[in-house]
N, C-alpha and C. Protein backbone atom coordinates (compact mmCIF):
# COMPACT_ATOMS: atom_id res chain seq x y z
N ILE A 1 -46.04 -78.59 40.92
CA ILE A 1 -45.96 -77.33 40.84
C ILE A 1 -46.04 -76.53 42.27
N ARG A 2 -45.41 -75.68 42.69
CA ARG A 2 -45.58 -75.11 43.92
C ARG A 2 -46.00 -73.75 44.08
N ALA A 3 -45.63 -72.99 42.94
CA ALA A 3 -45.91 -71.65 42.79
C ALA A 3 -46.10 -71.34 41.60
N LEU A 4 -47.22 -70.11 41.43
CA LEU A 4 -47.67 -69.54 40.16
C LEU A 4 -47.51 -67.78 40.46
N HIS A 5 -47.02 -67.27 39.56
CA HIS A 5 -47.17 -65.70 39.59
C HIS A 5 -47.18 -65.10 38.38
N PHE A 6 -48.16 -64.08 38.11
CA PHE A 6 -48.29 -63.33 37.05
C PHE A 6 -47.35 -62.11 37.24
N ASP A 7 -46.28 -61.39 36.42
CA ASP A 7 -45.76 -60.40 36.74
C ASP A 7 -46.35 -58.96 36.09
N ALA A 8 -46.03 -57.99 36.03
CA ALA A 8 -46.81 -56.82 35.50
C ALA A 8 -47.00 -56.84 34.07
N ALA A 9 -46.00 -57.71 33.39
CA ALA A 9 -46.22 -57.77 31.98
C ALA A 9 -47.33 -58.77 31.55
N GLY A 10 -47.55 -59.51 32.67
CA GLY A 10 -48.55 -60.52 32.18
C GLY A 10 -47.95 -62.28 31.74
N THR A 11 -46.78 -62.00 32.03
CA THR A 11 -45.65 -63.36 31.99
C THR A 11 -46.03 -64.33 33.28
N LEU A 12 -46.46 -65.61 33.21
CA LEU A 12 -46.68 -66.63 34.05
C LEU A 12 -45.33 -67.00 34.30
N TRP A 13 -45.14 -67.22 35.81
CA TRP A 13 -43.84 -67.97 36.12
C TRP A 13 -44.51 -68.80 37.09
N ILE A 14 -43.91 -70.23 36.89
CA ILE A 14 -43.84 -71.48 37.64
C ILE A 14 -42.74 -72.04 38.31
N GLY A 15 -42.94 -72.31 39.76
CA GLY A 15 -42.05 -72.71 40.39
C GLY A 15 -42.34 -74.13 40.81
N SER A 16 -41.39 -75.01 40.49
CA SER A 16 -41.58 -76.60 41.03
C SER A 16 -40.37 -77.09 41.25
N ASP A 17 -40.28 -78.46 41.57
CA ASP A 17 -39.10 -79.19 41.73
C ASP A 17 -38.16 -79.36 40.64
N GLY A 18 -38.70 -78.82 39.47
CA GLY A 18 -37.60 -78.67 38.20
C GLY A 18 -37.29 -77.50 38.05
N GLY A 19 -37.42 -76.42 38.84
CA GLY A 19 -36.72 -75.23 39.04
C GLY A 19 -38.01 -74.10 38.44
N LEU A 20 -37.53 -73.07 37.64
CA LEU A 20 -38.47 -71.96 37.24
C LEU A 20 -38.80 -72.22 35.85
N THR A 21 -40.17 -72.00 35.50
CA THR A 21 -40.58 -71.76 34.09
C THR A 21 -41.34 -70.73 33.85
N ARG A 22 -40.87 -70.05 32.78
CA ARG A 22 -41.51 -68.98 32.09
C ARG A 22 -42.65 -69.33 31.14
N ARG A 23 -43.91 -68.63 31.24
CA ARG A 23 -44.88 -68.97 30.09
C ARG A 23 -45.34 -67.36 29.34
N ASP A 24 -44.99 -67.24 28.26
CA ASP A 24 -45.24 -66.00 27.64
C ASP A 24 -45.70 -66.29 26.07
N ASP A 25 -45.92 -65.14 25.39
CA ASP A 25 -46.23 -65.51 24.19
C ASP A 25 -45.37 -66.44 23.21
N SER A 26 -44.22 -66.54 23.45
CA SER A 26 -43.44 -67.40 22.70
C SER A 26 -43.53 -68.91 23.23
N GLY A 27 -44.17 -69.18 24.34
CA GLY A 27 -44.27 -70.50 24.76
C GLY A 27 -43.61 -70.69 26.40
N PHE A 28 -43.13 -71.87 26.49
CA PHE A 28 -42.59 -72.23 27.92
C PHE A 28 -41.13 -72.28 27.79
N THR A 29 -40.34 -71.52 28.75
CA THR A 29 -38.92 -71.38 28.87
C THR A 29 -38.64 -72.05 30.42
N SER A 30 -37.89 -72.86 30.46
CA SER A 30 -37.35 -73.40 31.71
C SER A 30 -35.92 -72.91 32.16
N PHE A 31 -35.74 -72.58 33.49
CA PHE A 31 -34.65 -72.22 33.97
C PHE A 31 -34.27 -73.03 35.16
N THR A 32 -33.04 -73.77 35.26
CA THR A 32 -32.69 -74.84 35.99
C THR A 32 -31.15 -74.32 36.60
N THR A 33 -30.58 -75.11 37.49
CA THR A 33 -29.29 -74.95 37.90
C THR A 33 -28.21 -74.74 36.79
N ALA A 34 -28.41 -75.23 35.70
CA ALA A 34 -27.54 -75.09 34.41
C ALA A 34 -27.73 -73.62 33.91
N ASP A 35 -28.84 -72.90 34.26
CA ASP A 35 -28.89 -71.66 33.77
C ASP A 35 -28.54 -70.46 35.15
N GLY A 36 -28.26 -71.07 36.08
CA GLY A 36 -27.84 -70.16 37.14
C GLY A 36 -28.60 -70.15 38.39
N LEU A 37 -29.64 -71.03 38.64
CA LEU A 37 -30.46 -71.11 39.77
C LEU A 37 -29.38 -71.82 40.73
N PRO A 38 -29.16 -71.23 41.89
CA PRO A 38 -28.32 -71.71 42.80
C PRO A 38 -28.64 -73.33 43.43
N LEU A 39 -30.14 -73.45 43.59
CA LEU A 39 -30.53 -74.76 44.16
C LEU A 39 -31.62 -75.23 43.02
N PRO A 40 -31.63 -76.53 42.88
CA PRO A 40 -32.77 -77.10 41.97
C PRO A 40 -34.28 -76.76 41.80
N ALA A 41 -34.86 -76.67 42.95
CA ALA A 41 -36.25 -76.32 43.14
C ALA A 41 -36.55 -74.96 43.47
N VAL A 42 -37.93 -74.57 43.07
CA VAL A 42 -38.37 -73.32 43.51
C VAL A 42 -39.82 -73.38 44.16
N SER A 43 -39.75 -72.78 45.32
CA SER A 43 -40.96 -72.85 46.18
C SER A 43 -41.87 -71.72 46.24
N SER A 44 -41.45 -70.58 45.82
CA SER A 44 -42.05 -69.39 45.79
C SER A 44 -41.82 -68.32 44.88
N VAL A 45 -42.48 -67.52 44.24
CA VAL A 45 -42.32 -66.48 43.26
C VAL A 45 -42.87 -65.29 43.71
N THR A 46 -42.44 -64.19 43.28
CA THR A 46 -43.08 -62.88 43.46
C THR A 46 -42.31 -61.83 42.48
N SER A 47 -42.92 -60.75 42.65
CA SER A 47 -42.10 -59.48 41.59
C SER A 47 -42.19 -58.33 42.56
N ASP A 48 -41.05 -57.42 42.48
CA ASP A 48 -41.05 -56.10 43.25
C ASP A 48 -41.38 -55.02 42.45
N ARG A 49 -41.38 -53.78 42.98
CA ARG A 49 -42.08 -52.87 42.34
C ARG A 49 -41.17 -52.34 41.11
N HIS A 50 -39.84 -52.91 41.11
CA HIS A 50 -38.85 -52.56 40.06
C HIS A 50 -38.98 -53.60 38.78
N GLY A 51 -39.95 -54.53 38.92
CA GLY A 51 -40.06 -55.49 37.95
C GLY A 51 -39.16 -56.47 38.21
N ASP A 52 -38.24 -56.58 39.22
CA ASP A 52 -37.51 -57.81 39.37
C ASP A 52 -38.28 -58.99 39.88
N LEU A 53 -37.96 -60.24 39.63
CA LEU A 53 -38.59 -61.41 39.89
C LEU A 53 -37.60 -61.98 41.18
N TRP A 54 -38.45 -62.30 42.11
CA TRP A 54 -37.79 -62.92 43.41
C TRP A 54 -38.44 -64.42 43.44
N LEU A 55 -37.39 -65.20 43.95
CA LEU A 55 -38.02 -66.62 44.08
C LEU A 55 -37.16 -67.16 45.21
N ALA A 56 -37.61 -68.22 45.86
CA ALA A 56 -37.17 -69.08 46.66
C ALA A 56 -36.58 -70.48 46.04
N SER A 57 -35.34 -70.45 45.82
CA SER A 57 -34.52 -71.71 45.22
C SER A 57 -34.02 -72.57 46.47
N CYS A 58 -34.45 -73.63 46.39
CA CYS A 58 -34.37 -74.70 47.37
C CYS A 58 -33.70 -75.96 46.81
N GLU A 59 -33.22 -76.83 47.88
CA GLU A 59 -32.67 -78.12 47.74
C GLU A 59 -33.93 -79.10 46.95
N SER A 60 -34.83 -79.02 47.64
CA SER A 60 -35.86 -79.83 47.06
C SER A 60 -37.21 -78.96 47.66
N LEU A 61 -38.41 -79.55 47.23
CA LEU A 61 -39.58 -79.01 47.64
C LEU A 61 -39.78 -79.59 49.14
N TYR A 62 -40.55 -78.94 49.91
CA TYR A 62 -40.98 -79.31 51.16
C TYR A 62 -41.48 -80.67 51.59
N THR A 63 -40.88 -81.46 52.39
CA THR A 63 -41.25 -82.75 53.03
C THR A 63 -41.20 -82.56 54.49
N PRO A 64 -42.51 -82.57 55.24
CA PRO A 64 -42.39 -82.35 56.76
C PRO A 64 -41.28 -83.19 57.43
N GLY A 65 -40.64 -82.64 58.31
CA GLY A 65 -39.37 -83.30 58.91
C GLY A 65 -38.18 -83.16 58.43
N ASP A 66 -38.23 -83.02 57.02
CA ASP A 66 -36.77 -82.95 56.47
C ASP A 66 -36.11 -81.48 56.48
N PRO A 67 -34.87 -81.24 57.06
CA PRO A 67 -34.31 -79.85 57.21
C PRO A 67 -33.61 -79.58 55.58
N ILE A 68 -34.55 -78.52 54.99
CA ILE A 68 -34.29 -78.21 53.67
C ILE A 68 -33.86 -76.81 53.52
N THR A 69 -32.95 -76.51 52.97
CA THR A 69 -32.39 -75.10 52.92
C THR A 69 -32.93 -74.40 51.70
N CYS A 70 -33.32 -73.29 51.64
CA CYS A 70 -33.65 -72.13 50.88
C CYS A 70 -32.93 -71.07 50.70
N GLN A 71 -32.78 -70.49 49.46
CA GLN A 71 -32.23 -69.21 49.43
C GLN A 71 -32.97 -68.19 48.58
N PRO A 72 -33.12 -66.88 49.04
CA PRO A 72 -33.83 -65.80 48.13
C PRO A 72 -32.91 -65.45 47.11
N VAL A 73 -33.58 -65.56 45.84
CA VAL A 73 -32.94 -65.07 44.73
C VAL A 73 -33.49 -64.28 43.88
N ARG A 74 -32.82 -63.27 43.52
CA ARG A 74 -33.57 -62.19 42.44
C ARG A 74 -33.04 -62.58 40.89
N ARG A 75 -34.09 -62.45 40.09
CA ARG A 75 -33.93 -62.56 38.78
C ARG A 75 -34.06 -61.34 38.18
N THR A 76 -33.00 -60.74 37.59
CA THR A 76 -33.15 -59.52 36.81
C THR A 76 -33.20 -60.11 35.37
N ASP A 77 -33.02 -59.05 34.41
CA ASP A 77 -33.36 -59.60 32.86
C ASP A 77 -32.35 -60.68 32.41
N THR A 78 -31.21 -60.74 32.87
CA THR A 78 -30.11 -61.64 32.47
C THR A 78 -29.61 -62.50 33.21
N ARG A 79 -29.84 -62.37 34.71
CA ARG A 79 -29.14 -63.48 35.47
C ARG A 79 -29.93 -63.72 36.90
N PHE A 80 -29.65 -64.99 37.65
CA PHE A 80 -29.85 -64.79 38.90
C PHE A 80 -29.04 -64.41 40.04
N GLN A 81 -29.46 -63.80 40.92
CA GLN A 81 -28.62 -63.32 41.94
C GLN A 81 -28.89 -63.75 43.02
N SER A 82 -28.20 -64.71 43.92
CA SER A 82 -28.50 -65.22 45.54
C SER A 82 -28.33 -63.95 46.50
N TRP A 83 -29.26 -63.88 47.22
CA TRP A 83 -29.28 -62.88 48.43
C TRP A 83 -29.07 -63.61 49.56
N ALA A 84 -29.05 -62.67 50.85
CA ALA A 84 -28.91 -63.10 52.24
C ALA A 84 -29.11 -64.63 52.41
N ASP A 85 -28.45 -65.42 53.19
CA ASP A 85 -28.57 -66.54 53.47
C ASP A 85 -29.17 -66.72 54.82
N LEU A 86 -30.68 -67.30 54.60
CA LEU A 86 -31.30 -67.34 55.93
C LEU A 86 -31.00 -68.55 56.84
N GLY A 87 -29.76 -69.30 56.35
CA GLY A 87 -29.39 -70.48 57.21
C GLY A 87 -30.33 -71.84 56.67
N ALA A 88 -30.53 -72.66 57.58
CA ALA A 88 -31.10 -73.84 57.29
C ALA A 88 -32.78 -73.59 57.41
N GLN A 89 -33.28 -72.77 56.61
CA GLN A 89 -34.77 -72.53 56.68
C GLN A 89 -35.43 -72.88 55.32
N TYR A 90 -36.82 -73.31 55.33
CA TYR A 90 -37.37 -73.53 54.08
C TYR A 90 -38.34 -72.04 54.06
N ILE A 91 -38.28 -71.88 52.78
CA ILE A 91 -39.02 -70.44 52.26
C ILE A 91 -40.47 -71.02 51.60
N PHE A 92 -41.44 -70.81 52.52
CA PHE A 92 -42.81 -71.14 52.07
C PHE A 92 -43.33 -70.10 51.08
N ALA A 93 -43.14 -68.83 51.48
CA ALA A 93 -43.93 -67.81 50.66
C ALA A 93 -42.96 -66.52 50.53
N LEU A 94 -43.19 -65.92 49.34
CA LEU A 94 -42.43 -64.56 49.22
C LEU A 94 -43.45 -63.68 48.92
N THR A 95 -43.20 -62.19 49.26
CA THR A 95 -44.03 -61.07 48.83
C THR A 95 -43.10 -59.92 48.95
N ALA A 96 -43.25 -58.90 47.93
CA ALA A 96 -42.39 -57.67 47.88
C ALA A 96 -43.75 -56.72 48.41
N ASP A 97 -43.39 -55.97 49.26
CA ASP A 97 -44.35 -54.82 49.83
C ASP A 97 -44.26 -53.53 49.00
N ALA A 98 -45.17 -52.75 49.33
CA ALA A 98 -45.20 -51.30 48.54
C ALA A 98 -43.95 -50.54 48.65
N GLU A 99 -43.28 -50.76 49.73
CA GLU A 99 -42.01 -49.90 50.13
C GLU A 99 -40.93 -50.54 49.62
N GLY A 100 -40.98 -51.71 48.90
CA GLY A 100 -39.74 -52.50 48.30
C GLY A 100 -39.06 -53.46 49.17
N ASN A 101 -39.74 -53.79 50.30
CA ASN A 101 -39.12 -54.78 51.05
C ASN A 101 -39.47 -56.19 50.62
N LEU A 102 -38.61 -57.19 50.71
CA LEU A 102 -38.95 -58.59 50.69
C LEU A 102 -39.40 -59.41 51.80
N TRP A 103 -40.70 -59.90 51.87
CA TRP A 103 -40.83 -60.65 53.04
C TRP A 103 -40.95 -62.29 52.80
N ALA A 104 -40.51 -62.80 53.58
CA ALA A 104 -40.41 -64.22 53.46
C ALA A 104 -40.91 -65.02 54.56
N GLY A 105 -42.05 -66.09 54.34
CA GLY A 105 -42.61 -66.83 55.35
C GLY A 105 -41.69 -68.07 55.31
N ILE A 106 -41.07 -68.41 56.63
CA ILE A 106 -40.22 -69.26 56.51
C ILE A 106 -40.61 -70.29 57.60
N SER A 107 -39.65 -71.37 57.91
CA SER A 107 -40.07 -72.33 58.82
C SER A 107 -39.74 -71.95 60.24
N ALA A 108 -39.12 -70.79 60.36
CA ALA A 108 -38.64 -70.22 61.70
C ALA A 108 -39.19 -68.70 61.90
N GLY A 109 -40.23 -68.61 61.50
CA GLY A 109 -40.92 -67.19 61.44
C GLY A 109 -40.99 -66.38 60.22
N VAL A 110 -41.07 -65.13 60.13
CA VAL A 110 -41.29 -64.10 59.22
C VAL A 110 -39.90 -63.53 58.93
N ALA A 111 -39.45 -63.48 57.90
CA ALA A 111 -38.42 -62.33 57.66
C ALA A 111 -38.32 -61.37 56.72
N ARG A 112 -37.90 -60.21 56.93
CA ARG A 112 -37.87 -59.02 56.17
C ARG A 112 -36.57 -58.69 55.55
N TYR A 113 -36.41 -58.54 54.21
CA TYR A 113 -35.03 -58.13 53.71
C TYR A 113 -35.26 -56.55 53.61
N ASP A 114 -33.96 -55.97 54.21
CA ASP A 114 -34.22 -54.61 54.17
C ASP A 114 -32.88 -53.97 54.35
N VAL A 115 -32.35 -53.45 53.25
CA VAL A 115 -30.88 -52.60 53.35
C VAL A 115 -30.15 -53.63 53.64
N GLY A 116 -29.88 -54.93 52.93
CA GLY A 116 -28.90 -55.73 52.95
C GLY A 116 -28.82 -56.82 53.99
N ASP A 117 -29.79 -56.87 54.85
CA ASP A 117 -29.98 -57.68 55.92
C ASP A 117 -31.48 -58.30 56.25
N PHE A 118 -31.47 -59.33 56.80
CA PHE A 118 -33.07 -59.91 57.00
C PHE A 118 -32.85 -59.66 58.71
N ALA A 119 -34.51 -59.23 58.81
CA ALA A 119 -34.70 -58.90 60.24
C ALA A 119 -35.89 -60.15 60.41
N THR A 120 -36.15 -60.77 61.35
CA THR A 120 -36.99 -62.15 61.67
C THR A 120 -37.81 -61.71 62.92
N TRP A 121 -39.03 -62.07 62.68
CA TRP A 121 -39.91 -62.05 63.85
C TRP A 121 -40.51 -63.56 64.16
N THR A 122 -41.04 -63.83 65.32
CA THR A 122 -41.02 -65.08 65.65
C THR A 122 -42.26 -65.12 66.60
N THR A 123 -42.79 -66.34 67.28
CA THR A 123 -43.86 -66.31 68.38
C THR A 123 -43.34 -65.60 69.38
N ALA A 124 -42.19 -65.18 69.74
CA ALA A 124 -41.72 -64.38 70.89
C ALA A 124 -42.00 -62.99 70.55
N ASP A 125 -42.28 -62.57 69.39
CA ASP A 125 -42.57 -61.14 68.97
C ASP A 125 -44.21 -60.91 68.89
N GLY A 126 -44.89 -62.27 68.92
CA GLY A 126 -46.34 -62.11 68.94
C GLY A 126 -47.21 -62.89 67.58
N LEU A 127 -46.17 -63.39 66.77
CA LEU A 127 -46.69 -64.24 65.68
C LEU A 127 -47.27 -65.55 66.19
N ALA A 128 -48.34 -65.97 65.26
CA ALA A 128 -49.17 -67.10 65.84
C ALA A 128 -48.30 -68.19 65.90
N HIS A 129 -47.37 -68.44 64.87
CA HIS A 129 -46.88 -69.73 64.86
C HIS A 129 -45.28 -69.57 64.21
N ASN A 130 -44.45 -70.30 64.17
CA ASN A 130 -43.37 -69.90 63.64
C ASN A 130 -43.07 -70.47 62.35
N THR A 131 -44.01 -71.27 62.07
CA THR A 131 -44.12 -71.84 60.54
C THR A 131 -45.02 -70.96 59.86
N VAL A 132 -44.42 -70.04 58.79
CA VAL A 132 -45.31 -69.29 57.98
C VAL A 132 -45.46 -69.68 56.62
N ARG A 133 -46.75 -70.13 56.27
CA ARG A 133 -47.06 -70.61 54.93
C ARG A 133 -47.46 -69.58 54.01
N ALA A 134 -47.89 -68.42 54.48
CA ALA A 134 -48.39 -67.45 53.44
C ALA A 134 -48.15 -65.96 53.92
N VAL A 135 -47.85 -65.25 53.23
CA VAL A 135 -47.42 -63.84 53.33
C VAL A 135 -48.35 -62.67 52.36
N HIS A 136 -48.89 -61.92 52.71
CA HIS A 136 -49.87 -60.90 51.97
C HIS A 136 -49.75 -59.52 52.47
N GLU A 137 -49.78 -58.73 51.68
CA GLU A 137 -49.86 -57.23 51.91
C GLU A 137 -51.24 -56.93 51.45
N ASP A 138 -52.06 -56.30 52.25
CA ASP A 138 -53.36 -55.70 51.91
C ASP A 138 -53.29 -54.32 51.24
N GLY A 139 -54.34 -53.74 50.83
CA GLY A 139 -54.29 -52.37 50.05
C GLY A 139 -54.08 -51.10 51.06
N ASP A 140 -54.01 -51.42 52.50
CA ASP A 140 -53.61 -50.27 53.40
C ASP A 140 -51.91 -50.49 53.67
N GLY A 141 -51.49 -51.58 53.18
CA GLY A 141 -49.98 -51.70 53.56
C GLY A 141 -49.84 -52.48 54.79
N VAL A 142 -50.87 -53.27 55.16
CA VAL A 142 -50.76 -54.23 56.43
C VAL A 142 -50.48 -55.55 56.12
N LEU A 143 -49.61 -56.05 56.86
CA LEU A 143 -49.31 -57.39 56.33
C LEU A 143 -49.93 -58.48 57.00
N TRP A 144 -50.04 -59.72 56.36
CA TRP A 144 -51.03 -60.83 56.93
C TRP A 144 -50.09 -61.89 56.80
N PHE A 145 -50.12 -62.75 57.80
CA PHE A 145 -49.24 -64.19 57.59
C PHE A 145 -50.08 -65.24 58.23
N GLY A 146 -50.12 -66.24 57.19
CA GLY A 146 -50.87 -67.57 57.36
C GLY A 146 -49.63 -68.47 58.09
N THR A 147 -50.23 -68.98 59.10
CA THR A 147 -49.42 -69.67 60.06
C THR A 147 -49.92 -71.12 60.30
N LEU A 148 -49.30 -72.03 60.68
CA LEU A 148 -49.68 -73.35 61.36
C LEU A 148 -50.47 -73.09 62.65
N GLY A 149 -50.54 -71.79 63.18
CA GLY A 149 -51.22 -71.46 64.32
C GLY A 149 -52.30 -70.60 64.28
N GLY A 150 -52.55 -70.10 63.19
CA GLY A 150 -53.53 -69.03 63.10
C GLY A 150 -53.15 -68.09 61.81
N LEU A 151 -53.92 -66.93 61.93
CA LEU A 151 -53.66 -65.73 61.07
C LEU A 151 -53.21 -64.38 61.88
N SER A 152 -52.01 -64.24 61.58
CA SER A 152 -51.30 -62.93 62.22
C SER A 152 -51.52 -61.71 61.26
N ARG A 153 -51.56 -60.62 61.93
CA ARG A 153 -51.79 -59.30 61.12
C ARG A 153 -50.98 -58.42 61.91
N PHE A 154 -49.91 -57.91 60.71
CA PHE A 154 -48.70 -56.98 61.57
C PHE A 154 -48.92 -55.67 60.85
N ASP A 155 -48.85 -54.64 61.82
CA ASP A 155 -49.19 -53.17 61.20
C ASP A 155 -47.78 -52.45 61.25
N GLY A 156 -46.69 -53.34 61.55
CA GLY A 156 -45.65 -52.65 61.36
C GLY A 156 -44.87 -52.42 62.92
N ARG A 157 -45.60 -52.39 63.80
CA ARG A 157 -45.28 -52.49 65.15
C ARG A 157 -45.69 -53.87 66.12
N ALA A 158 -46.81 -54.32 65.78
CA ALA A 158 -47.12 -55.35 66.85
C ALA A 158 -48.04 -56.10 65.95
N PHE A 159 -48.45 -57.48 66.34
CA PHE A 159 -49.37 -58.47 65.84
C PHE A 159 -50.26 -58.75 66.49
N ARG A 160 -51.32 -59.11 65.66
CA ARG A 160 -52.83 -59.41 65.99
C ARG A 160 -53.01 -60.74 65.60
N THR A 161 -53.53 -61.86 66.48
CA THR A 161 -53.48 -63.08 65.92
C THR A 161 -55.17 -63.51 66.08
N TRP A 162 -55.64 -64.36 64.92
CA TRP A 162 -56.63 -64.89 65.05
C TRP A 162 -56.72 -66.36 64.99
N THR A 163 -57.25 -67.30 65.84
CA THR A 163 -57.23 -68.77 65.60
C THR A 163 -58.58 -69.37 65.75
N ILE A 164 -58.82 -70.60 66.09
CA ILE A 164 -60.09 -71.26 66.18
C ILE A 164 -60.82 -70.63 67.17
N ALA A 165 -60.06 -70.37 68.42
CA ALA A 165 -60.96 -69.58 69.45
C ALA A 165 -61.60 -68.35 69.00
N ASP A 166 -61.13 -67.68 67.85
CA ASP A 166 -61.67 -66.33 67.55
C ASP A 166 -62.85 -66.54 66.43
N GLY A 167 -62.88 -67.93 65.93
CA GLY A 167 -64.00 -68.14 64.93
C GLY A 167 -63.29 -68.52 63.70
N LEU A 168 -61.88 -68.47 63.58
CA LEU A 168 -61.07 -68.90 62.25
C LEU A 168 -61.59 -70.39 62.04
N PRO A 169 -61.91 -70.97 61.02
CA PRO A 169 -62.29 -72.44 60.80
C PRO A 169 -61.21 -73.45 61.18
N HIS A 170 -60.09 -72.88 60.93
CA HIS A 170 -58.88 -73.88 61.20
C HIS A 170 -57.65 -72.97 61.45
N ASP A 171 -56.99 -73.60 62.39
CA ASP A 171 -55.42 -72.73 62.60
C ASP A 171 -54.58 -72.66 61.64
N THR A 172 -54.54 -73.79 60.50
CA THR A 172 -53.62 -73.78 59.63
C THR A 172 -54.02 -72.91 58.55
N VAL A 173 -53.28 -71.99 57.97
CA VAL A 173 -53.65 -70.98 56.95
C VAL A 173 -52.62 -71.14 55.72
N HIS A 174 -52.86 -71.69 54.69
CA HIS A 174 -51.98 -71.75 53.64
C HIS A 174 -52.04 -70.48 52.72
N ASP A 175 -53.08 -69.84 52.48
CA ASP A 175 -53.26 -68.74 51.60
C ASP A 175 -53.89 -67.64 52.19
N ILE A 176 -53.69 -66.32 51.45
CA ILE A 176 -54.43 -65.12 52.09
C ILE A 176 -54.51 -64.38 50.82
N LEU A 177 -56.02 -63.90 50.55
CA LEU A 177 -56.18 -63.27 49.27
C LEU A 177 -57.03 -61.98 49.82
N SER A 178 -56.85 -60.72 49.21
CA SER A 178 -57.73 -59.74 49.54
C SER A 178 -59.14 -59.65 48.68
N ASP A 179 -60.33 -59.43 49.16
CA ASP A 179 -61.29 -59.30 48.40
C ASP A 179 -61.68 -57.68 47.92
N ASP A 180 -62.58 -57.41 47.05
CA ASP A 180 -62.98 -56.12 46.58
C ASP A 180 -62.91 -55.06 47.46
N HIS A 181 -63.16 -55.52 48.82
CA HIS A 181 -63.25 -54.31 49.95
C HIS A 181 -61.93 -54.54 50.76
N GLY A 182 -60.96 -54.89 50.07
CA GLY A 182 -59.78 -54.93 50.97
C GLY A 182 -59.37 -56.23 51.68
C-alpha cells in the first residue's frame, strides 16, 4: 500500500501496486486497468474542492533507479480520465490546493496543473531537491514540499528551504502535516 486518502464523504481510498481500492459502508471495491485505470499501480491519491478524486496511475510502484512513468488521473463518479502527460516522471505525491490547482511532487521537481497545462519548478527555481516526496498546503495557503534535500516552503513567489544545517533532523522529508497551530 502506497497511499491512503479519506475523501469529504469519509470514504477511504487506497493506492497500491494492485490499483485503486475504495472502502465504504458496503465494503471494499477495487479498480484496475480493466476498470479504466490507464496504468496498473497507484502511488498517490487526493481530492479536489469539487469532490473529484485525483490519483497517480503508474507502470509500477517506485524502485530507486528504475525509470517509471506515471500519469495524473481524475476519477469522476463514473470514469477515469487521464490528464496532461508529465513525461517519464514518477509521481510521489498529489495535493489539490484551495484554489483548485493540482500539485504533483515528481522525480524532477514539483508540477502544478493549471488551466490545461503543467508548470514545473526545480532546484534552479530554489527548490531544495528535484525529487519531491511530499506536498502539503497549510491553513494559510502556503505550499510545503518534502524533498530528498530538505523542506521547501513556497509562498507563490519564492522558495525558502530548511536542511540539516538549519536544524532539520534529516534532509530527506517523506511526509508533511499541519498541527493545531497551522
